Protein backbone atom coordinates (compact mmCIF):
# COMPACT_ATOMS: atom_id res chain seq x y z
CA MET A 1 75.05 36.33 33.42
CA GLY A 2 74.10 32.70 32.64
CA GLN A 3 73.79 31.09 29.23
CA LEU A 4 70.03 31.53 28.96
CA GLU A 5 70.15 35.13 30.13
CA GLU A 6 72.71 35.87 27.42
CA LEU A 7 70.55 34.20 24.78
CA GLU A 8 67.47 36.13 25.88
CA ALA A 9 69.38 39.27 24.94
CA CYS A 10 69.78 38.09 21.33
CA GLY A 11 68.11 40.15 18.64
CA ALA A 12 65.27 38.98 16.42
CA GLY A 13 67.73 38.15 13.62
CA ALA A 14 69.90 35.84 15.74
CA ARG A 15 70.54 32.44 14.16
CA LEU A 16 71.25 29.23 16.09
CA TYR A 17 73.52 26.35 15.06
CA LEU A 18 74.06 23.05 16.87
CA LYS A 19 76.99 20.67 16.83
CA PRO A 20 77.02 17.27 18.61
CA VAL A 21 80.18 16.86 20.70
CA GLY A 22 81.39 14.79 23.65
CA LEU A 23 81.45 11.53 21.68
CA VAL A 24 80.95 8.40 23.78
CA ASP A 25 82.58 5.04 22.95
CA SER A 26 80.34 2.84 25.12
CA PRO A 27 76.90 4.47 25.29
CA HIS A 28 75.27 1.81 27.45
CA TRP A 29 77.54 2.76 30.32
CA HIS A 30 75.91 6.17 30.39
CA GLU A 31 72.21 5.52 29.81
CA GLU A 32 70.10 8.64 29.30
CA LYS A 33 73.27 10.76 29.18
CA ASN A 34 73.89 10.45 25.44
CA GLN A 35 72.06 10.38 22.14
CA ARG A 36 72.67 8.39 18.98
CA LEU A 37 73.70 10.50 16.00
CA ASN A 38 71.49 9.77 12.96
CA ASN A 39 71.22 6.06 13.84
CA SER A 40 74.97 5.78 13.21
CA LEU A 41 77.63 4.11 15.36
CA THR A 42 78.35 7.46 17.01
CA TRP A 43 76.84 8.73 20.26
CA PHE A 44 77.17 12.26 21.67
CA SER A 45 76.78 13.54 25.23
CA GLN A 46 76.83 17.30 24.68
CA ILE A 47 75.60 19.96 22.29
CA GLU A 48 77.81 22.87 21.33
CA TYR A 49 75.66 25.81 20.31
CA LEU A 50 76.64 28.82 18.23
CA ILE A 51 74.71 32.07 17.87
CA VAL A 52 75.35 34.28 14.85
CA GLU A 53 74.08 37.86 14.80
CA ALA A 54 74.65 40.38 12.03
CA GLY A 55 76.94 37.89 10.31
CA ARG A 56 79.18 37.50 13.36
CA ALA A 57 79.56 34.46 15.62
CA ASN A 58 79.25 36.04 19.04
CA ARG A 59 78.01 33.39 21.48
CA ARG A 60 79.12 29.81 22.04
CA GLY A 61 78.46 27.32 24.80
CA LEU A 62 78.04 23.67 25.79
CA VAL A 63 74.89 21.97 27.04
CA ASN A 64 74.83 18.42 28.44
CA ILE A 65 72.23 16.10 26.95
CA THR A 66 70.64 15.70 30.39
CA GLN A 67 70.07 19.48 30.49
CA TRP A 68 68.98 19.85 26.89
CA PRO A 69 65.15 19.59 27.26
CA GLU A 70 64.95 22.22 29.97
CA TRP A 71 67.59 24.43 28.35
CA SER A 72 66.10 24.41 24.85
CA HIS A 73 62.53 24.97 26.03
CA ALA A 74 63.65 28.05 27.98
CA LEU A 75 65.06 29.75 24.87
CA PRO A 76 63.30 32.73 23.32
CA GLU A 77 60.55 31.36 21.05
CA PRO A 78 62.25 31.70 17.62
CA LEU A 79 65.44 30.08 18.92
CA ALA A 80 63.50 27.39 20.78
CA ILE A 81 61.65 26.39 17.59
CA ARG A 82 64.87 26.20 15.62
CA ALA A 83 66.62 24.30 18.43
CA ALA A 84 63.88 21.65 18.39
CA THR A 85 64.14 21.26 14.61
CA LEU A 86 67.93 21.00 14.57
CA PHE A 87 68.04 18.53 17.46
CA ALA A 88 65.38 16.35 15.84
CA ASN A 89 67.53 16.29 12.69
CA LEU A 90 70.63 15.30 14.67
CA THR A 91 68.84 12.31 16.15
CA ARG A 92 66.65 11.21 13.24
CA LYS A 93 66.97 7.84 11.58
CA HIS A 94 67.64 8.15 7.86
CA ASP A 95 65.62 5.86 5.62
CA ALA A 96 67.54 3.42 3.45
CA LEU A 97 68.03 4.37 -0.20
CA HIS A 98 67.12 1.78 -2.82
CA CYS A 99 69.57 2.09 -5.70
CA GLY A 100 68.80 -0.58 -8.23
CA GLU A 101 69.92 -3.89 -6.78
CA ARG A 102 71.76 -2.14 -3.94
CA THR A 103 70.15 -0.90 -0.71
CA LEU A 104 72.12 1.75 1.16
CA ARG A 105 71.41 1.69 4.87
CA PHE A 106 72.85 4.50 6.93
CA ASP A 107 73.56 2.70 10.18
CA GLN A 108 77.15 2.32 8.94
CA PRO A 109 79.32 4.45 6.61
CA HIS A 110 79.68 3.75 2.89
CA VAL A 111 82.60 4.17 0.50
CA MET A 112 81.95 5.81 -2.86
CA GLY A 113 84.65 4.90 -5.35
CA ILE A 114 85.71 7.55 -7.88
CA LEU A 115 85.81 6.44 -11.52
CA ASN A 116 86.72 9.32 -13.83
CA ILE A 117 86.39 8.77 -17.59
CA THR A 118 88.26 11.96 -18.43
CA PRO A 119 91.60 13.03 -19.91
CA ASP A 120 92.22 15.80 -17.38
CA SER A 121 90.95 14.97 -13.88
CA PHE A 122 93.47 16.13 -11.28
CA SER A 123 94.27 12.65 -9.97
CA ASP A 124 93.42 9.97 -12.53
CA GLY A 125 92.87 11.89 -15.76
CA GLY A 126 93.40 9.73 -18.84
CA LYS A 127 93.67 6.51 -16.87
CA HIS A 128 90.39 5.07 -18.19
CA GLN A 129 89.74 7.26 -21.22
CA ASN A 130 88.59 5.61 -24.47
CA ASP A 131 88.56 2.15 -22.93
CA PRO A 132 85.15 1.28 -21.42
CA GLU A 133 86.20 -2.29 -20.71
CA LYS A 134 89.23 -1.20 -18.71
CA ALA A 135 87.17 1.40 -16.85
CA ALA A 136 84.50 -1.18 -16.04
CA GLU A 137 87.16 -3.57 -14.75
CA ALA A 138 88.44 -0.83 -12.45
CA GLY A 139 84.90 -0.20 -11.21
CA LEU A 140 84.32 -3.90 -10.62
CA ALA A 141 87.57 -4.08 -8.65
CA MET A 142 86.34 -1.23 -6.42
CA THR A 143 83.07 -3.09 -5.86
CA VAL A 144 84.91 -6.28 -4.90
CA ALA A 145 87.06 -4.22 -2.52
CA GLY A 146 83.92 -2.98 -0.75
CA ALA A 147 82.69 0.19 -2.48
CA SER A 148 78.94 0.57 -2.05
CA ILE A 149 78.75 3.26 -4.73
CA LEU A 150 80.70 3.95 -7.92
CA ASP A 151 80.76 7.62 -8.95
CA ILE A 152 81.29 7.83 -12.72
CA GLY A 153 82.18 11.19 -14.24
CA GLY A 154 83.00 12.39 -17.73
CA GLU A 155 83.94 16.02 -17.02
CA SER A 156 86.72 17.24 -14.76
CA THR A 157 85.72 19.94 -12.25
CA ARG A 158 89.27 20.64 -11.08
CA PRO A 159 90.28 24.33 -10.97
CA GLY A 160 90.95 25.59 -14.50
CA ALA A 161 89.40 22.60 -16.29
CA ASP A 162 87.73 23.27 -19.64
CA PRO A 163 83.98 22.59 -19.93
CA VAL A 164 83.01 19.46 -21.87
CA TRP A 165 80.27 19.31 -24.49
CA GLU A 166 77.43 17.15 -23.22
CA GLY A 167 77.64 14.85 -26.23
CA ASP A 168 81.27 14.02 -25.48
CA GLU A 169 80.47 13.55 -21.81
CA ILE A 170 77.69 11.09 -22.69
CA LYS A 171 80.02 9.12 -24.98
CA ARG A 172 82.51 8.81 -22.14
CA VAL A 173 80.20 7.65 -19.34
CA VAL A 174 77.34 5.67 -20.91
CA PRO A 175 79.36 2.64 -22.09
CA VAL A 176 80.91 2.31 -18.63
CA ILE A 177 77.57 2.67 -16.82
CA GLU A 178 76.01 0.02 -19.07
CA ARG A 179 78.78 -2.41 -18.16
CA LEU A 180 78.53 -1.72 -14.40
CA ALA A 181 74.77 -1.26 -13.93
CA HIS A 182 74.42 -4.74 -12.40
CA CYS A 183 77.82 -5.06 -10.71
CA GLY A 184 76.37 -4.97 -7.18
CA ALA A 185 77.27 -1.38 -6.36
CA ALA A 186 75.00 1.63 -6.74
CA ILE A 187 76.01 3.59 -9.84
CA SER A 188 76.25 7.35 -9.46
CA ILE A 189 76.51 9.75 -12.39
CA ASP A 190 78.75 12.71 -11.57
CA THR A 191 77.47 15.49 -13.85
CA ARG A 192 75.99 19.00 -13.97
CA LYS A 193 74.12 18.51 -17.24
CA ALA A 194 70.53 17.36 -17.65
CA ALA A 195 71.17 15.57 -20.96
CA VAL A 196 73.99 13.56 -19.38
CA MET A 197 71.73 12.70 -16.45
CA GLU A 198 69.04 11.43 -18.82
CA ALA A 199 71.50 9.31 -20.82
CA ALA A 200 73.08 7.92 -17.65
CA ILE A 201 69.71 7.04 -16.14
CA ALA A 202 68.71 5.26 -19.35
CA ALA A 203 72.01 3.33 -19.18
CA GLY A 204 71.28 2.17 -15.61
CA ALA A 205 72.55 4.85 -13.18
CA HIS A 206 70.95 4.80 -9.73
CA LEU A 207 72.03 8.11 -8.21
CA ILE A 208 72.82 11.67 -9.40
CA ASN A 209 75.83 13.56 -7.99
CA ASP A 210 75.75 17.21 -9.08
CA VAL A 211 78.50 19.60 -7.94
CA SER A 212 76.17 22.51 -8.77
CA ALA A 213 73.26 21.17 -6.66
CA LEU A 214 71.02 21.07 -9.77
CA LEU A 215 71.64 24.77 -10.54
CA HIS A 216 74.04 24.68 -13.51
CA ASP A 217 71.49 23.36 -16.02
CA LYS A 218 67.92 24.72 -15.93
CA ARG A 219 66.52 21.27 -16.78
CA SER A 220 68.45 19.35 -14.11
CA LEU A 221 65.95 19.75 -11.30
CA GLU A 222 63.11 18.48 -13.47
CA VAL A 223 65.13 15.57 -14.84
CA ALA A 224 66.27 14.52 -11.37
CA GLY A 225 62.79 14.87 -9.92
CA VAL A 226 61.08 12.89 -12.66
CA SER A 227 63.68 10.12 -12.37
CA GLY A 228 62.87 9.51 -8.72
CA LEU A 229 66.56 8.80 -8.07
CA PRO A 230 68.45 10.03 -5.01
CA VAL A 231 70.61 13.11 -5.59
CA VAL A 232 73.72 14.61 -4.00
CA LEU A 233 73.52 18.39 -3.64
CA MET A 234 77.00 19.87 -3.28
CA HIS A 235 77.96 23.37 -2.23
CA ALA A 236 80.08 25.35 -4.67
CA PRO A 237 80.50 29.14 -4.80
CA SER A 238 79.30 29.26 -8.41
CA SER A 239 76.90 27.27 -10.59
CA GLY A 240 78.46 28.74 -13.76
CA LYS A 241 81.22 27.33 -15.94
CA ASP A 242 83.78 27.56 -13.13
CA PRO A 243 82.42 26.06 -9.88
CA HIS A 244 85.41 27.44 -7.97
CA LYS A 245 84.73 31.12 -8.67
CA GLY A 246 83.46 33.09 -5.68
CA ASP A 247 83.78 36.24 -3.61
CA GLY A 248 84.93 34.61 -0.37
CA TYR A 249 83.06 33.92 2.83
CA GLY A 250 82.15 35.60 6.07
CA ASN A 251 82.10 32.37 8.09
CA ILE A 252 82.82 29.39 5.85
CA VAL A 253 81.00 26.87 8.05
CA THR A 254 77.76 28.76 8.64
CA ASP A 255 77.75 30.23 5.11
CA THR A 256 78.04 26.74 3.60
CA LEU A 257 75.49 25.28 5.99
CA ASP A 258 72.99 28.10 5.32
CA TRP A 259 73.42 27.67 1.56
CA LEU A 260 72.81 23.92 1.73
CA GLU A 261 69.83 24.39 4.04
CA GLN A 262 68.25 26.83 1.59
CA ARG A 263 69.05 24.67 -1.43
CA VAL A 264 67.50 21.57 0.16
CA ALA A 265 64.37 23.60 0.95
CA GLU A 266 64.19 24.84 -2.66
CA VAL A 267 64.57 21.35 -4.12
CA VAL A 268 61.94 19.96 -1.75
CA ALA A 269 59.59 22.84 -2.59
CA ALA A 270 60.00 21.88 -6.26
CA GLY A 271 58.56 18.45 -5.46
CA PHE A 272 61.67 16.39 -4.72
CA GLU A 273 61.50 13.84 -1.88
CA ARG A 274 63.56 15.03 1.11
CA ASP A 275 64.49 11.45 2.00
CA LYS A 276 66.31 11.15 -1.33
CA ILE A 277 68.62 14.14 -0.81
CA ILE A 278 72.26 13.77 0.28
CA ILE A 279 74.36 16.86 1.02
CA ASP A 280 78.05 17.58 0.41
CA PRO A 281 79.86 20.72 1.73
CA GLY A 282 82.09 20.73 -1.36
CA LEU A 283 85.60 20.57 0.05
CA GLY A 284 88.10 22.24 -2.27
CA PHE A 285 85.52 24.02 -4.42
CA GLY A 286 86.39 27.70 -4.17
CA LYS A 287 87.69 27.18 -0.65
CA SER A 288 91.07 27.92 0.89
CA LEU A 289 93.08 25.55 3.06
CA THR A 290 91.78 27.38 6.13
CA ASP A 291 88.20 27.06 4.83
CA ASN A 292 88.57 23.33 4.17
CA LEU A 293 90.02 22.65 7.60
CA ALA A 294 87.23 24.62 9.28
CA LEU A 295 84.67 22.51 7.42
CA MET A 296 86.43 19.26 8.36
CA ASN A 297 86.53 20.31 12.01
CA ASN A 298 82.79 21.02 11.94
CA ILE A 299 81.44 18.10 9.91
CA ALA A 300 79.12 17.12 12.75
CA MET A 301 77.31 20.47 12.55
CA PHE A 302 75.96 19.55 9.10
CA HIS A 303 73.95 16.66 10.53
CA ALA A 304 71.57 19.28 11.92
CA LEU A 305 70.27 19.75 8.36
CA GLY A 306 68.70 16.30 8.58
CA GLN A 307 70.19 14.77 5.42
CA PRO A 308 72.81 12.03 4.91
CA LEU A 309 76.23 13.60 4.53
CA LEU A 310 78.87 12.90 1.86
CA ILE A 311 82.48 14.03 2.33
CA GLY A 312 84.99 14.07 -0.54
CA ALA A 313 88.54 14.95 0.55
CA SER A 314 90.44 12.23 -1.30
CA ARG A 315 93.84 13.31 -2.72
CA LYS A 316 92.82 16.99 -2.72
CA ARG A 317 95.36 19.78 -2.73
CA MET A 318 94.81 20.56 0.96
CA ILE A 319 96.53 17.24 1.74
CA GLY A 320 99.54 18.35 -0.27
CA ALA A 321 99.52 21.72 1.49
CA LEU A 322 99.66 19.97 4.87
CA SER A 323 102.30 17.41 3.88
CA LYS A 324 105.26 19.21 2.30
CA GLU A 325 103.48 19.53 -1.07
CA ALA A 326 103.13 15.80 -1.56
CA PRO A 327 102.14 15.08 -5.19
CA VAL A 328 98.69 13.73 -5.97
CA ASP A 329 99.81 10.09 -6.15
CA GLN A 330 101.41 10.32 -2.69
CA ARG A 331 98.41 11.51 -0.68
CA LEU A 332 97.02 8.17 0.48
CA GLY A 333 97.80 8.69 4.17
CA GLY A 334 96.15 12.10 4.22
CA SER A 335 93.13 10.83 2.31
CA ILE A 336 92.59 8.03 4.81
CA ALA A 337 93.07 10.43 7.73
CA PHE A 338 90.32 12.69 6.40
CA ALA A 339 88.00 9.76 5.60
CA HIS A 340 88.47 8.33 9.08
CA HIS A 341 87.76 11.71 10.67
CA ALA A 342 84.64 12.11 8.55
CA VAL A 343 83.08 8.80 9.57
CA GLN A 344 84.04 9.37 13.19
CA GLN A 345 81.98 12.56 12.98
CA GLY A 346 79.04 10.59 11.57
CA ALA A 347 79.45 11.13 7.81
CA GLN A 348 77.46 8.47 5.98
CA ILE A 349 79.47 8.43 2.73
CA VAL A 350 83.13 9.12 1.93
CA ARG A 351 84.10 9.63 -1.71
CA VAL A 352 87.58 8.22 -2.39
CA HIS A 353 90.06 7.15 -5.04
CA ASP A 354 91.74 4.43 -2.94
CA VAL A 355 88.93 2.02 -2.11
CA PRO A 356 90.80 -1.04 -0.69
CA GLU A 357 92.93 1.05 1.68
CA THR A 358 89.98 3.17 2.82
CA MET A 359 87.85 0.08 3.37
CA GLN A 360 90.55 -1.44 5.56
CA ALA A 361 90.72 1.74 7.64
CA LEU A 362 86.95 1.81 8.07
CA GLN A 363 86.83 -1.89 8.93
CA ILE A 364 89.27 -1.21 11.76
CA TRP A 365 87.13 1.73 12.86
CA ARG A 366 84.01 -0.45 12.69
CA GLY A 367 85.68 -3.12 14.81
CA MET A 368 86.54 -0.56 17.46
CA ARG A 369 83.00 0.85 17.44
CA ASP A 370 81.46 -2.61 17.74
CA ALA A 371 83.78 -3.41 20.64
CA GLY A 372 82.79 -0.19 22.39
CA VAL A 373 79.07 -0.77 21.93
CA THR A 374 79.22 -4.36 23.22
CA ALA A 375 81.83 -3.85 25.98
CA SER A 376 80.77 -5.26 29.34
CA VAL A 377 83.57 -3.81 31.50
């Protein structure tokens, strides 16, 4: 039985997922045999499809780009409609985001530098606490090193962290945002609280990064929508006090993707502009090592949702688990490895602690991509 015959036997509840594979270094050598991924510096020559029925992944296959039009049109109608939508998302060109004085174009990856103004963050807790000038200097140094975005947070979301009163969170982040609002980088406020969002926006923030995808605080969706700022919607198993608390997953990749797809639809239905939504699969949030690795191996599948993709793996415990329990301050190599993998799979933003080292790695990657695109032999 061929691929299409197998798919015709799928039930009405079958769900289709697409993943671009068969990456091509020099696309012009293979005209009409590859497609550009989201206007990035990545081209793919095949589509890996996955069919899930009754919560189980039961059919997989590969389709060459040259066969895709005929193959997708021959699918049963519900699958054919979804295939067309997902493929259009994989190949769409994302509009640039205007973040204050900074314009973020997505034809190349961006580095988001992490700037925590907290006493208890897992990596840099206490480093910049109670010293806005020192924190701002650190942020400026990240900008000089090449960070396009600075992500400023006043509450740790590490496992076991205590919640922070919104007033204290505002006192931590606002003085730093005010000092960095015109530094040349886009300023992101990393918070789950509407009041903190409002204060940060008034201080000059250009982007909202919410680990609860605007679910933790009932006012967050309205505040974000009225602001007109871009927003990062991250997947976490809980929008309550502990974002790591969950009941486990059936299939971590499709469960996370389905959740993000639904959440984007809900936010858009509430009046938010789709072009201003970035998604983040939430590595490390209520996810095991096996879960995190599955997500990293399937980053490209998330492009089928049609939104720019942010990946944050920097210094996380999965790096320690894979490297003889290396402590947090000795996870640079693993952090760069994950960042490099993410951009190679088309991720538009990587969120990192070590900006200069990550920038160097991505500059080398960019040089290789440029050489491949312009190669004449």
